[in-house]
Amino acid sequence: METSLDKSALAAAQPAAKVQRTVYSVLGAISFSHLLNDMIQSLILAIYPMLKDNFSLSFGQIGLITLTYQITASLLQPLVGSYTDKHPKPYSLPVGMGFTLAGLLLMSVAPNFGVLLVAAALVGCGSSVFHPESSRVARMASGGRHGLAQSLFQVGGNAGSSLGPLLAALIVIPHGQRSIAWFSVAALVAMVVLTQIGRWYKAHPSVKKARGVAGHATLSRNKVMFAMGVLILLVFSKYFYLASINSYFTFYLIDKFHLPVQAAQVHLFVFLAAVAAGTVIGGPIGDKIGRKYVIWVSILGVAPFTLLLPYANLFWTGVLTVIIGVVLASAFSAILVYAQELIPGKVGMVAGLFFGFAFGMGGIGAAVLGQLADATSITYVYKVCSFLPLIGVLTVFLPDVEGKRAKA
């Protein structure tokens, strides 16, 4: 049966070699799939308090669950991206979602901590395929508006991340561990949508070239490698800080302000919704004024607010986390597109590297901060992490890629 996505997107793919235009039907579909994928991921993070009680876990073990998921994804994503740069696999997206589905079902019936780790690894495998390939699809459908396309793609993921804690509070916490399986419906819907996207992907002219379309950086190899190193440090600062929010913010609110679990999860939802809003802003602004300026503001500019957060009352904690979410979220789309312009023709590898590194930093951050929280306190963790955005000062060393490209 032919869908509306088939008709509009497949038609758009045919003249793509002659005239580039933004294929919003494909961007909408891949963003929706990203929403479902990341909703499932954030659901797992949001049920940590329940798992902690059910299995009598320490903060260190909670961090190990995140580490297992994030490291599985981070190690495989660059490999998947590099391979599909040379050997496109249009239908790898629904296959990857199948791993996520299996992980969900296993987690719903896990009898012990070891099985929880296996389930987390399966979800990580699904993400290792989804993120580099779906980022490639977004770039293919961008019509040259790469920042806009990445923002639309990312906002789907961030919206999904914000929904996870809310759905956990409404469904999983009241009904228990087995209700996690109900979310397999979301994975099945995503598999259907991703199969349709695979048809468009297969028909796209760039598949025949076995290369993504990229910018044309004219920098020397040494300058490119140095710039990539700076970008990786910036991603480290962002995602190590985000690990403190994603994995432990509910515990922080419960410990410091004595909130019930469901109220704390609503605060996490508000933060993640702010992240989604910030993502929408970053990409289009980067297209207009340059990615480097967006990176400056989003990483270093958030530092005053993170430094204030550990000393704020409940009201100002809510206000500050919204500001932090909006400002910090605008960075990743700009960083990713900037990196893809640094290394032309390696769209999947670059996407896999940065998504993978972001996942890895989230996992390592969760594990390290969990151990730190066990040894000290949750409040101390936020005091330490508040200094991480100051690493944003390294943005001064990034070359002006847009300027180089304009002269080429």
Protein backbone atom coordinates (compact mmCIF):
# COMPACT_ATOMS: atom_id res chain seq x y z
CA MET A 1 0.00 0.00 0.00
CA GLU A 2 1.45 3.36 -1.03
CA THR A 3 1.47 6.02 1.68
CA SER A 4 1.53 9.81 1.43
CA LEU A 5 5.18 9.67 2.50
CA ASP A 6 5.87 7.34 -0.45
CA LYS A 7 4.21 9.67 -2.97
CA SER A 8 5.75 12.94 -1.87
CA ALA A 9 9.16 11.75 -0.77
CA LEU A 10 9.84 9.31 -3.59
CA ALA A 11 8.81 11.94 -6.11
CA ALA A 12 11.14 14.42 -4.48
CA ALA A 13 14.04 11.98 -4.68
CA GLN A 14 13.91 11.73 -8.49
CA PRO A 15 14.87 15.30 -9.43
CA ALA A 16 17.19 15.66 -6.45
CA ALA A 17 20.27 15.37 -8.66
CA LYS A 18 19.18 18.48 -10.58
CA VAL A 19 17.55 20.71 -7.98
CA GLN A 20 18.05 20.42 -4.26
CA ARG A 21 15.05 21.19 -2.10
CA THR A 22 14.15 20.48 1.47
CA VAL A 23 11.99 17.34 1.69
CA TYR A 24 9.85 18.15 4.72
CA SER A 25 7.85 14.92 4.57
CA VAL A 26 11.03 12.91 5.11
CA LEU A 27 12.34 15.30 7.76
CA GLY A 28 9.00 15.05 9.56
CA ALA A 29 9.03 11.25 9.39
CA ILE A 30 12.63 10.88 10.60
CA SER A 31 12.01 13.42 13.37
CA PHE A 32 8.92 11.47 14.46
CA SER A 33 10.97 8.27 14.48
CA HIS A 34 13.61 10.04 16.54
CA LEU A 35 10.87 11.06 18.97
CA LEU A 36 9.78 7.45 19.43
CA ASN A 37 13.36 6.18 19.71
CA ASP A 38 14.44 8.71 22.32
CA MET A 39 11.15 8.45 24.21
CA ILE A 40 12.00 4.79 24.79
CA GLN A 41 15.54 5.69 25.87
CA SER A 42 14.45 8.40 28.31
CA LEU A 43 11.75 6.11 29.67
CA ILE A 44 14.52 3.80 30.87
CA LEU A 45 16.29 6.72 32.57
CA ALA A 46 13.06 7.87 34.20
CA ILE A 47 12.30 4.50 35.81
CA TYR A 48 15.64 4.39 37.65
CA PRO A 49 13.99 5.18 41.02
CA MET A 50 11.62 2.22 40.53
CA LEU A 51 14.46 -0.11 39.47
CA LYS A 52 16.56 1.10 42.39
CA ASP A 53 13.79 0.10 44.81
CA ASN A 54 12.81 -3.15 43.04
CA PHE A 55 16.37 -4.50 42.80
CA SER A 56 17.95 -2.67 45.79
CA LEU A 57 20.51 -0.96 43.52
CA SER A 58 23.18 1.53 44.57
CA PHE A 59 23.81 4.77 42.68
CA GLY A 60 26.90 3.07 41.25
CA GLN A 61 24.76 0.27 39.80
CA ILE A 62 22.32 2.82 38.37
CA GLY A 63 25.28 4.46 36.66
CA LEU A 64 26.41 1.06 35.36
CA ILE A 65 23.06 0.54 33.61
CA THR A 66 23.51 3.86 31.84
CA LEU A 67 27.16 3.06 31.11
CA THR A 68 26.22 -0.29 29.51
CA TYR A 69 23.63 1.31 27.25
CA GLN A 70 25.70 4.35 26.37
CA ILE A 71 28.99 2.52 25.78
CA THR A 72 27.31 -0.11 23.58
CA ALA A 73 25.90 2.67 21.45
CA SER A 74 29.04 4.82 21.47
CA LEU A 75 31.43 2.06 20.40
CA LEU A 76 29.26 0.86 17.53
CA GLN A 77 27.95 4.16 16.11
CA PRO A 78 31.17 5.35 14.39
CA LEU A 79 31.68 1.86 12.94
CA VAL A 80 28.13 1.74 11.61
CA GLY A 81 28.45 5.27 10.18
CA SER A 82 31.82 4.59 8.54
CA TYR A 83 30.58 1.34 6.99
CA THR A 84 27.37 2.86 5.60
CA ASP A 85 29.30 5.82 4.12
CA LYS A 86 30.79 3.23 1.74
CA HIS A 87 27.97 0.67 1.69
CA PRO A 88 24.57 2.34 2.16
CA LYS A 89 21.97 0.17 3.91
CA PRO A 90 18.58 1.88 3.49
CA TYR A 91 16.69 -0.70 5.55
CA SER A 92 19.12 -0.79 8.47
CA LEU A 93 16.92 1.69 10.34
CA PRO A 94 13.97 -0.65 11.01
CA VAL A 95 16.41 -3.47 11.81
CA GLY A 96 18.08 -1.29 14.44
CA MET A 97 14.69 -0.46 15.94
CA GLY A 98 14.11 -4.20 16.24
CA PHE A 99 17.02 -4.37 18.71
CA THR A 100 15.39 -1.60 20.74
CA LEU A 101 12.11 -3.52 20.74
CA ALA A 102 13.87 -6.65 22.03
CA GLY A 103 15.58 -4.64 24.78
CA LEU A 104 12.27 -3.15 25.91
CA LEU A 105 10.55 -6.50 26.16
CA LEU A 106 13.48 -8.04 28.03
CA MET A 107 13.61 -5.16 30.52
CA SER A 108 9.91 -5.57 31.30
CA VAL A 109 10.51 -9.14 32.56
CA ALA A 110 14.10 -8.85 33.85
CA PRO A 111 14.42 -10.85 37.09
CA ASN A 112 17.80 -9.46 38.19
CA PHE A 113 20.45 -6.79 37.64
CA GLY A 114 22.40 -8.85 35.08
CA VAL A 115 19.40 -9.16 32.76
CA LEU A 116 18.76 -5.42 33.12
CA LEU A 117 22.28 -4.84 31.77
CA VAL A 118 21.63 -7.14 28.77
CA ALA A 119 18.39 -5.28 28.03
CA ALA A 120 20.21 -1.94 28.23
CA ALA A 121 22.87 -3.26 25.81
CA LEU A 122 20.18 -4.26 23.28
CA VAL A 123 18.66 -0.78 23.39
CA GLY A 124 22.19 0.58 22.91
CA CYS A 125 22.64 -1.58 19.80
CA GLY A 126 19.43 -0.13 18.38
CA SER A 127 20.69 3.40 18.95
CA SER A 128 24.04 2.57 17.33
CA VAL A 129 22.25 2.02 14.03
CA PHE A 130 19.52 4.62 14.37
CA HIS A 131 21.49 7.79 15.06
CA PRO A 132 24.18 7.83 12.32
CA GLU A 133 21.78 6.56 9.65
CA SER A 134 18.88 8.83 10.56
CA SER A 135 21.26 11.80 10.73
CA ARG A 136 22.36 10.91 7.19
CA VAL A 137 18.72 10.80 6.06
CA ALA A 138 18.15 14.25 7.58
CA ARG A 139 21.13 15.65 5.66
CA MET A 140 20.00 13.99 2.43
CA ALA A 141 16.56 15.61 2.82
CA SER A 142 17.92 19.02 3.86
CA GLY A 143 18.18 20.63 0.43
CA GLY A 144 21.36 22.34 1.65
CA ARG A 145 19.77 23.73 4.82
CA HIS A 146 21.84 21.43 7.01
CA GLY A 147 21.42 23.29 10.30
CA LEU A 148 17.64 23.42 9.91
CA ALA A 149 17.47 19.73 9.00
CA GLN A 150 19.61 18.66 11.97
CA SER A 151 17.55 20.83 14.30
CA LEU A 152 14.28 19.32 13.09
CA PHE A 153 15.79 15.87 13.44
CA GLN A 154 17.17 16.64 16.90
CA VAL A 155 13.99 18.25 18.18
CA GLY A 156 12.16 15.00 17.57
CA GLY A 157 14.66 13.23 19.79
CA ASN A 158 14.51 15.91 22.45
CA ALA A 159 10.71 15.92 22.42
CA GLY A 160 10.81 12.17 22.86
CA SER A 161 13.30 12.53 25.70
CA SER A 162 10.94 14.94 27.45
CA LEU A 163 7.98 12.57 27.04
CA GLY A 164 9.76 9.58 28.58
CA PRO A 165 9.73 10.80 32.21
CA LEU A 166 6.13 12.01 31.89
CA LEU A 167 4.94 8.65 30.55
CA ALA A 168 6.98 6.86 33.20
CA ALA A 169 5.20 8.88 35.89
CA LEU A 170 1.77 8.24 34.36
CA ILE A 171 2.14 4.59 33.31
CA VAL A 172 5.20 2.68 34.53
CA ILE A 173 5.46 3.92 38.13
CA PRO A 174 1.77 3.16 38.93
CA HIS A 175 1.64 -0.18 37.04
CA GLY A 176 5.10 -1.59 37.68
CA GLN A 177 7.97 -3.07 35.68
CA ARG A 178 5.87 -5.23 33.34
CA SER A 179 4.12 -2.15 31.94
CA ILE A 180 7.41 -1.26 30.19
CA ALA A 181 6.35 -3.80 27.54
CA TRP A 182 3.41 -1.57 26.58
CA PHE A 183 5.90 0.77 24.93
CA SER A 184 6.80 -1.93 22.41
CA VAL A 185 3.89 -0.47 20.41
CA ALA A 186 5.97 2.70 19.93
CA ALA A 187 8.90 0.64 18.64
CA LEU A 188 6.62 -1.20 16.19
CA VAL A 189 5.19 2.08 14.88
CA ALA A 190 8.74 3.39 14.43
CA MET A 191 9.70 0.27 12.47
CA VAL A 192 6.81 0.87 10.04
CA VAL A 193 7.74 4.53 9.52
CA LEU A 194 11.44 3.71 9.14
CA THR A 195 10.65 1.10 6.50
CA GLN A 196 8.93 3.81 4.44
CA ILE A 197 11.93 6.10 4.96
CA GLY A 198 14.15 3.24 3.79
CA ARG A 199 12.27 3.19 0.46
CA TRP A 200 12.97 6.90 -0.06
CA TYR A 201 16.59 6.46 1.05
CA LYS A 202 17.09 3.64 -1.46
CA ALA A 203 15.74 5.78 -4.32
CA HIS A 204 17.89 8.82 -3.46
CA PRO A 205 20.66 9.59 -6.02
CA SER A 206 23.35 9.93 -3.32
CA VAL A 207 23.00 6.22 -2.53
CA LYS A 208 24.45 5.39 -5.94
CA LYS A 209 27.50 7.50 -5.11
CA ALA A 210 27.89 5.72 -1.75
CA ARG A 211 28.77 9.07 -0.24
CA GLY A 212 26.94 11.67 1.81
CA VAL A 213 26.86 15.19 0.51
CA ALA A 214 29.10 17.43 2.60
CA GLY A 215 30.66 20.85 2.65
CA HIS A 216 34.04 21.70 1.21
CA ALA A 217 36.52 22.54 3.97
CA THR A 218 39.92 23.75 2.71
CA LEU A 219 41.85 23.37 5.97
CA SER A 220 45.00 21.31 6.37
CA ARG A 221 44.79 17.88 7.96
CA ASN A 222 46.47 19.10 11.17
CA LYS A 223 44.03 21.99 11.53
CA VAL A 224 41.09 19.67 10.92
CA MET A 225 42.29 17.21 13.56
CA PHE A 226 42.91 20.03 16.05
CA ALA A 227 39.44 21.45 15.43
CA MET A 228 37.91 17.99 15.87
CA GLY A 229 39.74 17.68 19.19
CA VAL A 230 38.26 20.98 20.37
CA LEU A 231 34.78 19.88 19.28
CA ILE A 232 35.15 16.62 21.19
CA LEU A 233 36.10 18.53 24.35
CA LEU A 234 33.02 20.73 23.90
CA VAL A 235 30.81 17.67 23.49
CA PHE A 236 32.43 16.22 26.61
CA SER A 237 31.53 19.32 28.64
CA LYS A 238 27.95 19.34 27.40
CA TYR A 239 27.14 15.66 27.80
CA PHE A 240 28.99 15.13 31.07
CA TYR A 241 26.88 17.95 32.47
CA LEU A 242 23.70 16.57 30.90
CA ALA A 243 24.46 13.20 32.51
CA SER A 244 24.09 14.87 35.89
CA ILE A 245 20.61 16.06 34.92
CA ASN A 246 19.34 13.05 32.97
CA SER A 247 20.41 10.41 35.48
CA TYR A 248 20.32 12.18 38.84
CA PHE A 249 18.12 15.30 38.71
CA THR A 250 15.12 13.45 40.13
CA PHE A 251 17.28 12.16 43.00
CA TYR A 252 18.62 15.70 43.56
CA LEU A 253 15.10 17.13 43.84
CA ILE A 254 13.96 14.31 46.11
CA ASP A 255 17.01 14.68 48.36
CA LYS A 256 17.23 18.48 48.56
CA PHE A 257 13.57 19.53 48.35
CA HIS A 258 11.85 16.30 49.54
CA LEU A 259 9.67 16.06 46.42
CA PRO A 260 7.75 12.83 45.66
CA VAL A 261 9.02 10.79 42.71
CA GLN A 262 6.24 11.84 40.32
CA ALA A 263 6.72 15.56 41.08
CA ALA A 264 10.48 15.23 40.52
CA GLN A 265 9.83 13.53 37.17
CA VAL A 266 7.62 16.44 36.11
CA HIS A 267 10.56 18.78 36.76
CA LEU A 268 12.75 16.52 34.61
CA PHE A 269 10.07 16.66 31.88
CA VAL A 270 10.14 20.49 31.99
CA PHE A 271 13.93 20.50 31.63
CA LEU A 272 13.84 18.10 28.69
CA ALA A 273 11.07 20.15 27.04
CA ALA A 274 13.35 23.19 27.35
CA VAL A 275 16.10 21.16 25.69
CA ALA A 276 13.72 20.43 22.80
CA ALA A 277 12.93 24.14 22.42
CA GLY A 278 16.61 25.06 22.42
CA THR A 279 17.34 22.51 19.71
CA VAL A 280 14.84 24.16 17.34
CA ILE A 281 16.59 27.49 17.78
CA GLY A 282 20.21 26.41 17.30
CA GLY A 283 20.20 24.95 13.77
CA PRO A 284 18.49 27.73 11.78
CA ILE A 285 20.49 30.40 13.62
CA GLY A 286 23.68 28.50 12.79
CA ASP A 287 22.67 28.48 9.09
CA LYS A 288 22.32 32.28 9.19
CA ILE A 289 25.07 33.60 11.47
CA GLY A 290 27.54 30.70 11.51
CA ARG A 291 27.85 27.59 13.64
CA LYS A 292 30.86 28.89 15.58
CA TYR A 293 28.85 31.72 17.13
CA VAL A 294 26.10 29.33 18.19
CA ILE A 295 28.70 27.06 19.82
CA TRP A 296 30.17 30.05 21.68
CA VAL A 297 26.86 31.09 23.19
CA SER A 298 25.45 27.64 23.90
CA ILE A 299 28.42 26.16 25.79
CA LEU A 300 30.18 29.08 27.49
CA GLY A 301 27.01 31.16 27.76
CA VAL A 302 25.29 28.62 30.00
CA ALA A 303 28.05 28.71 32.66
CA PRO A 304 26.58 31.50 34.86
CA PHE A 305 23.35 29.54 35.21
CA THR A 306 24.98 26.19 35.99
CA LEU A 307 27.14 27.89 38.63
CA LEU A 308 24.04 29.31 40.34
CA LEU A 309 21.96 26.12 40.22
CA PRO A 310 23.34 24.27 43.31
CA TYR A 311 22.53 27.28 45.51
CA ALA A 312 18.99 27.99 44.25
CA ASN A 313 15.68 27.27 45.99
CA LEU A 314 13.04 25.08 44.34
CA PHE A 315 11.45 27.91 42.33
CA TRP A 316 14.75 29.21 40.98
CA THR A 317 15.96 25.66 40.37
CA GLY A 318 13.03 25.28 37.97
CA VAL A 319 13.76 28.60 36.26
CA LEU A 320 17.50 27.95 35.95
CA THR A 321 17.07 24.44 34.55
CA VAL A 322 14.77 25.80 31.82
CA ILE A 323 17.38 28.42 30.85
CA ILE A 324 20.16 25.81 30.97
CA GLY A 325 18.13 23.42 28.81
CA VAL A 326 17.33 26.03 26.13
CA VAL A 327 20.85 27.49 25.89
CA LEU A 328 22.85 24.25 26.14
CA ALA A 329 20.66 22.34 23.66
CA SER A 330 21.41 24.68 20.77
CA ALA A 331 25.00 23.39 20.62
CA PHE A 332 24.81 19.88 19.24
CA SER A 333 23.27 20.55 15.82
CA ALA A 334 25.83 23.32 15.25
CA ILE A 335 28.72 21.11 16.40
CA LEU A 336 27.62 18.17 14.23
CA VAL A 337 27.14 20.18 11.03
CA TYR A 338 30.40 22.08 11.68
CA ALA A 339 32.23 18.75 11.99
CA GLN A 340 30.62 17.38 8.81
CA GLU A 341 31.87 20.48 6.98
CA LEU A 342 35.37 19.88 8.35
CA ILE A 343 35.47 16.33 6.92
CA PRO A 344 33.62 16.24 3.56
CA GLY A 345 32.17 12.94 2.35
CA LYS A 346 32.07 11.30 5.79
CA VAL A 347 28.55 12.19 6.92
CA GLY A 348 27.81 8.85 8.57
CA MET A 349 31.21 8.47 10.20
CA VAL A 350 31.12 11.99 11.65
CA ALA A 351 27.54 11.58 12.85
CA GLY A 352 28.39 8.21 14.36
CA LEU A 353 31.52 9.59 16.01
CA PHE A 354 29.76 12.53 17.64
CA PHE A 355 26.56 10.70 18.57
CA GLY A 356 28.71 7.85 19.83
CA PHE A 357 31.01 10.12 21.81
CA ALA A 358 28.01 11.96 23.24
CA PHE A 359 26.48 8.64 24.29
CA GLY A 360 29.78 7.48 25.74
CA MET A 361 30.25 10.67 27.73
CA GLY A 362 26.70 10.34 29.00
CA GLY A 363 27.41 6.79 30.12
CA ILE A 364 30.80 7.48 31.66
CA GLY A 365 29.42 10.61 33.26
CA ALA A 366 26.52 8.70 34.79
CA ALA A 367 28.85 6.04 36.19
CA VAL A 368 31.45 8.49 37.54
CA LEU A 369 28.85 10.83 39.00
CA GLY A 370 27.00 7.89 40.55
CA GLN A 371 30.16 6.83 42.35
CA LEU A 372 30.79 10.44 43.39
CA ALA A 373 27.23 10.72 44.73
CA ASP A 374 27.67 7.51 46.74
CA ALA A 375 30.93 8.85 48.21
CA THR A 376 29.71 12.42 48.88
CA SER A 377 26.21 13.69 48.08
CA ILE A 378 23.98 14.52 45.13
CA THR A 379 24.31 18.25 45.91
CA TYR A 380 28.11 17.99 45.75
CA VAL A 381 27.81 16.40 42.29
CA TYR A 382 25.97 19.48 41.00
CA LYS A 383 28.54 21.82 42.53
CA VAL A 384 31.35 20.00 40.70
CA CYS A 385 29.48 19.79 37.38
CA SER A 386 28.58 23.48 37.44
CA PHE A 387 32.12 24.32 36.21
CA LEU A 388 32.01 22.08 33.11
CA PRO A 389 30.54 24.67 30.70
CA LEU A 390 33.61 26.87 31.26
CA ILE A 391 35.36 24.50 28.83
CA GLY A 392 33.39 26.42 26.19
CA VAL A 393 36.18 29.03 26.16
CA LEU A 394 38.05 26.60 23.86
CA THR A 395 35.68 27.65 21.06
CA VAL A 396 38.11 30.51 20.40
CA PHE A 397 40.46 27.96 18.78
CA LEU A 398 37.92 26.78 16.17
CA PRO A 399 38.69 27.93 12.60
CA ASP A 400 36.10 29.85 10.59
CA VAL A 401 34.88 27.02 8.35
CA GLU A 402 32.13 29.13 6.77
CA GLY A 403 34.69 31.78 5.83
CA LYS A 404 37.05 29.18 4.35
CA ARG A 405 34.22 27.69 2.35
CA ALA A 406 33.15 31.04 1.01
CA LYS A 407 36.63 31.70 -0.35
CA ALA A 408 37.00 28.28 -1.94
